[in-house]
Amino acid sequence: MDTNNMQWTLAARAEKMNPSVIREILKVTEKPGIISFAGGLPSPKTFPISDFADACAKVLREDGQAALQYAASEGYAPLREMVAASLPWQVDPAQVLITTGSQQGLDLLAKILIDKGSPILVETPTYLGALQAFTPMEPQVISVASDDDGIDVNDLAMKARGGRFLYVLPNFQNPTGRTMSEARRAALSAKAAELGLPIIEDNPYGDLWFDAPPPLPLSARNPDGCLYLGSFSKVLAPGLRLGFLVAPKALYPKLLQAKQAADLHSPGFNQRMIAEVMKDGFLDRHVPTIRALYKSQRDAMLAALKREMPEGVSWNTPDGGMFLWARLPAGMSAVELLPKAVEKNVAFVPGSAFYADNADARTLRLSFVTASVDQINTGVAALAAAIRESQPTQARATTSVGANSVEAK
């Protein structure tokens, strides 16, 4: 058979798809000896393997036929009920849709809410995975100014006209690690209601607080005006690929239809295992151990940054989650720094990947949860050395070690 004349014609939306910068960097981190601050991966030390082994055996023994069969697109009813009961506002389990990771929730809402040219609003910077999910639908992505307290409500008001939705991560945001303050949440919720602007609230990290829980979710303040995304990946295990969304009842049917077209349903066996593990208050006992581990690793990274970084490097202090946000001295580029850091066996993610437009080339994201304290100390020292060697000659001459951290803007 002659196949030389075979031609595949890509859809226009396929041209909009781009590889994940983070996934590409993770390939580099497979090099032996690399200390990676790049991936947004939970620590495997937190995976409750023995509990899943017991749950797996029990599900197969007591409910094996149903667990291995096709299932309802909405999700396993007991798990949906657990999700609804866990949220700090009144949620009908009929509003909960179990998704194949919370990333699928982003894909589903993009399909039902975005037309070509639709204005959508995002924080500055924002989650790269959300941009990847939205971009094939060809929206007009509008960046809204943001600061250490979260999104700038005044800037939002000036840009929101005609917007389909605002996408935000209020808790320990990826990539910056920042948390939206109570005052900012109240102002944003009121302004969005006034403008009639729906909010997509993405909250994969909200349970990972260190000293005090974050303020009440936006969805609790205006349930009919928000769509809420959550995940089991950060508190149990990402390999099971399960998340959930909570949608206003008017929106739910179309999300369900999009889910049916995408994959029929998320794995019923995995859902039953998670429901079995979660029963009897397991997360109330398990999640505090994750918080304690991540807090110790955050503290180790903050101490190493203060000890090692040259003058002109700044960073923030996240109150939870998995990331902190740093900024290089003037005249430097995180993209140009990365290969020099890799030569010293340390990797990070350049911050420019997280901007919809007008990227700040000096920013970078550091994940502190998968490296040991010794690796953090070694990796931060190597990164600091790469920064010193990459600084312009004049700046290098005036650099001093051990500069105090300042909040990255």
Protein backbone atom coordinates (compact mmCIF):
# COMPACT_ATOMS: atom_id res chain seq x y z
CA MET A 1 0.00 0.00 0.00
CA ASP A 2 1.35 3.42 -0.95
CA THR A 3 0.99 5.78 2.02
CA ASN A 4 3.26 8.54 0.71
CA ASN A 5 0.27 10.70 -0.26
CA MET A 6 -1.37 10.45 3.16
CA GLN A 7 -2.00 13.94 4.59
CA TRP A 8 -3.21 14.82 8.07
CA THR A 9 -4.84 18.24 8.37
CA LEU A 10 -4.77 19.71 11.85
CA ALA A 11 -7.72 21.64 13.21
CA ALA A 12 -7.06 25.33 13.83
CA ARG A 13 -7.40 24.75 17.58
CA ALA A 14 -4.56 22.21 17.48
CA GLU A 15 -2.21 24.96 16.37
CA LYS A 16 -3.03 26.74 19.63
CA MET A 17 -1.85 23.81 21.74
CA ASN A 18 1.62 24.09 23.24
CA PRO A 19 3.71 21.70 25.32
CA SER A 20 3.85 22.31 29.05
CA VAL A 21 7.07 24.13 29.89
CA ILE A 22 7.06 22.35 33.24
CA ARG A 23 6.71 18.91 31.65
CA GLU A 24 9.62 19.70 29.33
CA ILE A 25 11.76 20.80 32.27
CA LEU A 26 10.86 17.62 34.16
CA LYS A 27 12.58 15.66 31.38
CA VAL A 28 15.78 17.52 32.27
CA THR A 29 15.38 16.61 35.93
CA GLU A 30 15.60 12.91 35.06
CA LYS A 31 19.35 13.46 34.66
CA PRO A 32 21.11 11.68 37.56
CA GLY A 33 22.10 14.03 40.35
CA ILE A 34 19.71 16.85 39.48
CA ILE A 35 18.02 18.52 42.46
CA SER A 36 14.64 19.66 41.18
CA PHE A 37 12.70 22.62 42.51
CA ALA A 38 10.75 22.55 39.22
CA GLY A 39 7.86 20.10 39.42
CA GLY A 40 4.55 20.75 41.11
CA LEU A 41 4.60 17.22 42.46
CA PRO A 42 3.42 16.29 45.96
CA SER A 43 5.97 14.53 48.13
CA PRO A 44 5.62 10.74 47.66
CA LYS A 45 6.35 10.46 51.38
CA THR A 46 2.78 11.65 51.95
CA PHE A 47 1.06 8.90 49.94
CA PRO A 48 -0.92 6.61 52.30
CA ILE A 49 0.15 3.43 50.52
CA SER A 50 -0.85 0.92 53.20
CA ASP A 51 -4.29 2.50 53.52
CA PHE A 52 -4.77 2.25 49.75
CA ALA A 53 -3.61 -1.37 49.80
CA ASP A 54 -6.25 -2.21 52.40
CA ALA A 55 -8.91 -0.20 50.54
CA CYS A 56 -8.02 -1.88 47.24
CA ALA A 57 -8.44 -5.35 48.73
CA LYS A 58 -11.72 -4.44 50.41
CA VAL A 59 -13.24 -2.81 47.32
CA LEU A 60 -12.38 -5.80 45.15
CA ARG A 61 -13.58 -8.26 47.77
CA GLU A 62 -16.89 -6.57 48.62
CA ASP A 63 -17.76 -4.55 45.51
CA GLY A 64 -15.48 -5.81 42.77
CA GLN A 65 -17.99 -6.27 39.98
CA ALA A 66 -19.42 -2.77 40.32
CA ALA A 67 -15.98 -1.24 40.81
CA LEU A 68 -14.71 -2.70 37.54
CA GLN A 69 -17.86 -1.93 35.53
CA TYR A 70 -18.86 1.22 33.66
CA ALA A 71 -20.30 3.78 36.07
CA ALA A 72 -22.37 6.94 36.32
CA SER A 73 -20.82 9.97 34.65
CA GLU A 74 -21.57 12.12 37.70
CA GLY A 75 -19.34 9.98 39.89
CA TYR A 76 -19.63 7.53 42.76
CA ALA A 77 -22.51 8.74 44.92
CA PRO A 78 -20.90 8.19 48.36
CA LEU A 79 -17.80 10.09 47.24
CA ARG A 80 -19.91 12.99 45.93
CA GLU A 81 -21.68 13.09 49.28
CA MET A 82 -18.32 13.19 51.12
CA VAL A 83 -17.16 16.08 48.95
CA ALA A 84 -20.36 18.04 49.54
CA ALA A 85 -20.17 17.47 53.30
CA SER A 86 -16.53 18.61 53.46
CA LEU A 87 -17.12 22.08 52.03
CA PRO A 88 -17.77 25.12 54.25
CA TRP A 89 -21.03 26.10 52.59
CA GLN A 90 -24.21 24.21 51.81
CA VAL A 91 -23.66 22.04 48.74
CA ASP A 92 -26.11 19.56 47.26
CA PRO A 93 -24.25 16.37 46.23
CA ALA A 94 -26.13 16.72 42.94
CA GLN A 95 -23.89 19.74 42.23
CA VAL A 96 -20.69 17.67 42.56
CA LEU A 97 -19.11 16.19 39.45
CA ILE A 98 -16.15 13.83 39.91
CA THR A 99 -13.48 14.58 37.30
CA THR A 100 -10.35 12.86 36.07
CA GLY A 101 -8.10 15.21 37.98
CA SER A 102 -9.07 18.83 38.51
CA GLN A 103 -7.28 19.54 35.22
CA GLN A 104 -10.21 17.88 33.46
CA GLY A 105 -12.52 20.32 35.20
CA LEU A 106 -10.64 23.17 33.51
CA ASP A 107 -11.00 21.44 30.16
CA LEU A 108 -14.73 20.87 30.61
CA LEU A 109 -15.52 24.43 31.64
CA ALA A 110 -13.43 25.75 28.75
CA LYS A 111 -15.52 23.71 26.33
CA ILE A 112 -18.86 24.95 27.62
CA LEU A 113 -18.00 28.58 28.48
CA ILE A 114 -15.54 29.82 25.85
CA ASP A 115 -16.23 30.77 22.25
CA LYS A 116 -13.58 32.02 19.86
CA GLY A 117 -12.71 35.54 20.93
CA SER A 118 -14.48 35.32 24.29
CA PRO A 119 -12.85 37.61 26.88
CA ILE A 120 -11.72 35.70 29.95
CA LEU A 121 -9.82 37.18 32.87
CA VAL A 122 -6.91 35.70 34.80
CA GLU A 123 -4.55 36.74 37.59
CA THR A 124 -1.03 37.96 36.91
CA PRO A 125 0.66 35.48 36.87
CA THR A 126 -1.64 32.46 36.71
CA TYR A 127 -1.61 28.65 36.54
CA LEU A 128 0.01 27.40 33.34
CA GLY A 129 -2.29 24.36 33.15
CA ALA A 130 -5.32 26.63 33.03
CA LEU A 131 -3.86 28.61 30.14
CA GLN A 132 -3.22 25.32 28.34
CA ALA A 133 -6.84 24.24 28.86
CA PHE A 134 -8.31 27.57 27.77
CA THR A 135 -6.09 28.42 24.79
CA PRO A 136 -7.41 25.84 22.28
CA MET A 137 -10.86 27.43 22.60
CA GLU A 138 -9.25 30.64 21.28
CA PRO A 139 -10.37 33.12 23.94
CA GLN A 140 -9.11 36.64 24.44
CA VAL A 141 -7.13 36.19 27.66
CA ILE A 142 -6.98 39.36 29.74
CA SER A 143 -4.43 39.63 32.55
CA VAL A 144 -5.62 41.48 35.64
CA ALA A 145 -3.04 43.21 37.84
CA SER A 146 -2.32 41.37 41.09
CA ASP A 147 -0.27 41.97 44.23
CA ASP A 148 0.63 40.09 47.41
CA ASP A 149 -3.03 40.15 48.56
CA GLY A 150 -4.36 38.77 45.29
CA ILE A 151 -6.17 40.24 42.35
CA ASP A 152 -6.51 44.04 41.97
CA VAL A 153 -10.27 44.60 42.13
CA ASN A 154 -10.08 48.10 40.64
CA ASP A 155 -8.13 46.83 37.63
CA LEU A 156 -10.63 44.00 37.30
CA ALA A 157 -13.52 46.43 37.21
CA MET A 158 -11.88 48.35 34.35
CA LYS A 159 -11.27 45.18 32.29
CA ALA A 160 -14.27 42.98 33.09
CA ARG A 161 -16.74 44.27 30.50
CA GLY A 162 -18.07 41.32 28.49
CA GLY A 163 -15.89 38.82 30.34
CA ARG A 164 -17.13 35.22 30.35
CA PHE A 165 -15.45 34.51 33.70
CA LEU A 166 -12.56 35.30 36.02
CA TYR A 167 -10.20 32.44 36.86
CA VAL A 168 -8.47 32.64 40.26
CA LEU A 169 -6.51 30.47 42.72
CA PRO A 170 -7.07 32.23 46.05
CA ASN A 171 -5.12 29.79 48.26
CA PHE A 172 -1.33 29.34 48.05
CA GLN A 173 -1.48 30.11 44.37
CA ASN A 174 0.42 28.23 41.70
CA PRO A 175 2.90 29.70 40.80
CA THR A 176 3.39 32.45 43.40
CA GLY A 177 2.34 30.74 46.63
CA ARG A 178 0.41 33.87 47.62
CA THR A 179 -2.94 33.80 49.43
CA MET A 180 -5.77 36.21 48.74
CA SER A 181 -6.54 38.20 51.88
CA GLU A 182 -9.95 38.28 53.55
CA ALA A 183 -10.44 41.94 52.63
CA ARG A 184 -9.59 41.26 49.00
CA ARG A 185 -11.93 38.25 48.86
CA ALA A 186 -14.79 40.29 50.23
CA ALA A 187 -14.14 43.10 47.76
CA LEU A 188 -13.76 40.71 44.82
CA SER A 189 -16.91 38.79 45.66
CA ALA A 190 -18.93 42.01 45.93
CA LYS A 191 -17.50 43.47 42.71
CA ALA A 192 -18.01 40.26 40.72
CA ALA A 193 -21.64 40.11 41.87
CA GLU A 194 -22.11 43.76 40.92
CA LEU A 195 -20.60 43.17 37.46
CA GLY A 196 -22.39 39.86 36.90
CA LEU A 197 -18.98 38.25 36.34
CA PRO A 198 -18.79 34.51 37.07
CA ILE A 199 -15.76 33.25 39.01
CA ILE A 200 -13.88 30.00 38.49
CA GLU A 201 -12.30 29.24 41.87
CA ASP A 202 -9.51 26.66 41.66
CA ASN A 203 -8.47 25.30 45.05
CA PRO A 204 -6.10 22.31 44.86
CA TYR A 205 -3.86 23.55 47.70
CA GLY A 206 -6.32 24.98 50.24
CA ASP A 207 -5.89 22.19 52.80
CA LEU A 208 -2.11 22.61 52.86
CA TRP A 209 -1.95 25.59 55.26
CA PHE A 210 0.88 25.82 57.75
CA ASP A 211 -0.20 27.96 60.71
CA ALA A 212 -3.83 28.94 60.06
CA PRO A 213 -6.43 28.00 57.46
CA PRO A 214 -7.08 30.46 54.63
CA PRO A 215 -10.17 32.69 54.58
CA LEU A 216 -13.56 31.44 53.46
CA PRO A 217 -13.74 30.44 49.76
CA LEU A 218 -15.26 32.83 47.24
CA SER A 219 -17.75 30.10 46.37
CA ALA A 220 -19.12 30.16 49.91
CA ARG A 221 -19.90 33.87 49.53
CA ASN A 222 -21.74 33.62 46.21
CA PRO A 223 -22.42 29.96 45.33
CA ASP A 224 -24.53 30.75 42.26
CA GLY A 225 -21.83 32.99 40.83
CA CYS A 226 -18.89 30.60 41.27
CA LEU A 227 -17.70 27.28 39.92
CA TYR A 228 -15.39 25.53 42.39
CA LEU A 229 -12.60 23.10 41.48
CA GLY A 230 -10.94 20.73 43.95
CA SER A 231 -8.50 17.84 43.86
CA PHE A 232 -7.59 14.64 45.72
CA SER A 233 -4.08 14.76 44.25
CA LYS A 234 -2.47 16.99 46.86
CA VAL A 235 -3.98 15.32 49.95
CA LEU A 236 -3.99 11.66 48.85
CA ALA A 237 -2.24 10.72 45.60
CA PRO A 238 -2.06 12.28 42.11
CA GLY A 239 -1.66 8.95 40.33
CA LEU A 240 -5.32 8.11 40.89
CA ARG A 241 -6.24 11.15 38.75
CA LEU A 242 -9.34 12.22 40.61
CA GLY A 243 -10.69 15.68 41.30
CA PHE A 244 -14.08 17.31 41.49
CA LEU A 245 -16.02 20.41 40.62
CA VAL A 246 -19.00 22.02 42.29
CA ALA A 247 -21.20 23.85 39.80
CA PRO A 248 -24.31 26.00 40.03
CA LYS A 249 -27.29 23.83 39.20
CA ALA A 250 -27.99 25.78 36.00
CA LEU A 251 -24.51 24.97 34.68
CA TYR A 252 -24.21 21.35 35.81
CA PRO A 253 -26.08 19.60 32.94
CA LYS A 254 -23.77 20.99 30.26
CA LEU A 255 -20.67 20.12 32.26
CA LEU A 256 -22.02 16.60 32.64
CA GLN A 257 -22.59 16.33 28.88
CA ALA A 258 -19.03 17.51 28.24
CA LYS A 259 -17.78 14.93 30.75
CA GLN A 260 -19.71 12.16 29.00
CA ALA A 261 -18.18 13.15 25.66
CA ALA A 262 -14.68 13.30 27.14
CA ASP A 263 -14.38 9.96 28.95
CA LEU A 264 -17.83 8.70 29.98
CA HIS A 265 -16.79 8.70 33.65
CA SER A 266 -13.74 8.81 35.90
CA PRO A 267 -12.47 5.40 37.07
CA GLY A 268 -15.07 3.89 39.37
CA PHE A 269 -12.55 1.63 41.07
CA ASN A 270 -10.36 4.62 42.01
CA GLN A 271 -13.38 6.52 43.29
CA ARG A 272 -14.39 3.65 45.53
CA MET A 273 -10.86 3.32 46.87
CA ILE A 274 -10.70 7.01 47.75
CA ALA A 275 -14.13 6.88 49.38
CA GLU A 276 -13.02 3.85 51.42
CA VAL A 277 -9.81 5.57 52.54
CA MET A 278 -11.55 8.85 53.36
CA LYS A 279 -14.29 7.41 55.53
CA ASP A 280 -14.06 7.72 59.32
CA GLY A 281 -12.23 11.05 59.18
CA PHE A 282 -8.97 9.82 57.65
CA LEU A 283 -8.09 13.19 56.10
CA ASP A 284 -8.42 14.91 59.48
CA ARG A 285 -5.59 12.67 60.70
CA HIS A 286 -3.53 12.49 57.51
CA VAL A 287 -3.44 16.06 56.17
CA PRO A 288 -1.78 17.55 59.30
CA THR A 289 1.22 15.27 58.66
CA ILE A 290 1.52 16.73 55.14
CA ARG A 291 1.31 20.27 56.51
CA ALA A 292 4.06 19.60 59.05
CA LEU A 293 6.37 18.10 56.42
CA TYR A 294 5.82 20.90 53.91
CA LYS A 295 6.23 23.62 56.52
CA SER A 296 9.61 22.20 57.57
CA GLN A 297 10.70 22.12 53.94
CA ARG A 298 9.48 25.66 53.33
CA ASP A 299 11.39 26.85 56.40
CA ALA A 300 14.53 25.09 55.17
CA MET A 301 14.27 26.78 51.77
CA LEU A 302 13.66 30.22 53.29
CA ALA A 303 16.70 29.80 55.53
CA ALA A 304 18.85 28.64 52.62
CA LEU A 305 17.73 31.54 50.43
CA LYS A 306 18.54 34.03 53.16
CA ARG A 307 21.91 32.42 53.74
CA GLU A 308 22.99 31.93 50.11
CA MET A 309 21.35 34.40 47.77
CA PRO A 310 23.22 37.45 46.49
CA GLU A 311 21.89 40.96 46.93
CA GLY A 312 19.10 41.84 44.52
CA VAL A 313 17.34 38.46 44.66
CA SER A 314 13.93 38.67 46.34
CA TRP A 315 11.34 36.09 47.36
CA ASN A 316 8.09 35.76 49.29
CA THR A 317 7.04 33.65 52.29
CA PRO A 318 4.05 31.42 51.43
CA ASP A 319 1.64 30.53 54.23
CA GLY A 320 0.96 27.09 52.76
CA GLY A 321 1.00 25.06 49.60
CA MET A 322 4.03 23.91 47.63
CA PHE A 323 5.68 26.93 45.99
CA LEU A 324 7.46 30.18 46.57
CA TRP A 325 8.09 32.93 44.05
CA ALA A 326 11.45 34.58 43.53
CA ARG A 327 12.79 37.41 41.39
CA LEU A 328 16.27 37.86 39.98
CA PRO A 329 18.29 41.07 40.01
CA ALA A 330 17.75 43.66 37.28
CA GLY A 331 19.08 42.71 33.88
CA MET A 332 18.75 38.95 34.39
CA SER A 333 16.47 36.38 32.75
CA ALA A 334 15.27 33.19 34.44
CA VAL A 335 15.05 31.44 31.05
CA GLU A 336 18.71 32.22 30.37
CA LEU A 337 19.67 31.21 33.91
CA LEU A 338 18.02 27.78 33.75
CA PRO A 339 20.62 25.93 31.61
CA LYS A 340 23.42 27.38 33.75
CA ALA A 341 21.63 26.15 36.87
CA VAL A 342 21.14 22.70 35.33
CA GLU A 343 24.89 22.57 34.71
CA LYS A 344 25.19 22.90 38.50
CA ASN A 345 22.60 20.12 38.96
CA VAL A 346 19.64 22.24 40.08
CA ALA A 347 16.41 23.01 38.20
CA PHE A 348 13.50 25.44 38.59
CA VAL A 349 10.67 26.80 36.42
CA PRO A 350 11.11 30.22 34.80
CA GLY A 351 8.20 32.43 35.83
CA SER A 352 7.51 33.74 32.34
CA ALA A 353 5.61 30.52 31.54
CA PHE A 354 2.83 31.59 33.91
CA TYR A 355 1.95 34.92 32.30
CA ALA A 356 -0.78 35.33 29.71
CA ASP A 357 1.09 38.38 28.42
CA ASN A 358 3.79 40.89 29.43
CA ALA A 359 5.80 38.26 31.29
CA ASP A 360 8.31 39.27 33.94
CA ALA A 361 11.49 37.56 32.70
CA ARG A 362 13.16 37.90 36.11
CA THR A 363 10.71 35.66 37.99
CA LEU A 364 11.01 31.97 38.86
CA ARG A 365 9.00 29.37 40.75
CA LEU A 366 10.62 27.14 43.35
CA SER A 367 8.87 24.05 44.70
CA PHE A 368 10.08 22.99 48.14
CA VAL A 369 8.09 19.81 48.82
CA THR A 370 9.89 17.01 46.96
CA ALA A 371 13.46 17.83 48.03
CA SER A 372 14.96 16.84 51.36
CA VAL A 373 16.43 19.49 53.64
CA ASP A 374 19.94 18.46 52.57
CA GLN A 375 18.93 18.71 48.91
CA ILE A 376 17.35 22.11 49.53
CA ASN A 377 20.55 23.38 51.11
CA THR A 378 22.71 22.01 48.30
CA GLY A 379 20.34 23.10 45.53
CA VAL A 380 19.84 26.65 46.77
CA ALA A 381 23.59 27.09 47.14
CA ALA A 382 24.09 25.87 43.57
CA LEU A 383 21.34 28.15 42.29
CA ALA A 384 22.88 31.12 44.09
CA ALA A 385 26.25 30.33 42.53
CA ALA A 386 24.66 30.20 39.07
CA ILE A 387 23.01 33.58 39.69
CA ARG A 388 26.28 35.18 40.77
CA GLU A 389 28.10 33.86 37.73
CA SER A 390 25.30 35.07 35.43
CA GLN A 391 25.03 38.59 36.80
CA PRO A 392 26.35 41.49 34.73
CA THR A 393 29.96 42.23 35.72
CA GLN A 394 29.18 45.56 37.40
CA ALA A 395 26.36 44.07 39.47
CA ARG A 396 28.49 41.07 40.44
CA ALA A 397 31.17 43.34 41.84
CA THR A 398 28.73 44.88 44.33
CA THR A 399 26.98 41.64 45.31
CA SER A 400 27.08 40.44 48.89
CA VAL A 401 26.02 37.07 50.28
CA GLY A 402 23.30 36.65 52.87
CA ALA A 403 20.99 39.44 51.79
CA ASN A 404 17.69 39.64 53.64
CA SER A 405 14.65 38.49 51.70
CA VAL A 406 12.03 40.95 50.59
CA GLU A 407 8.63 40.33 49.19
CA ALA A 408 8.80 39.60 45.46
CA LYS A 409 6.63 41.99 43.52
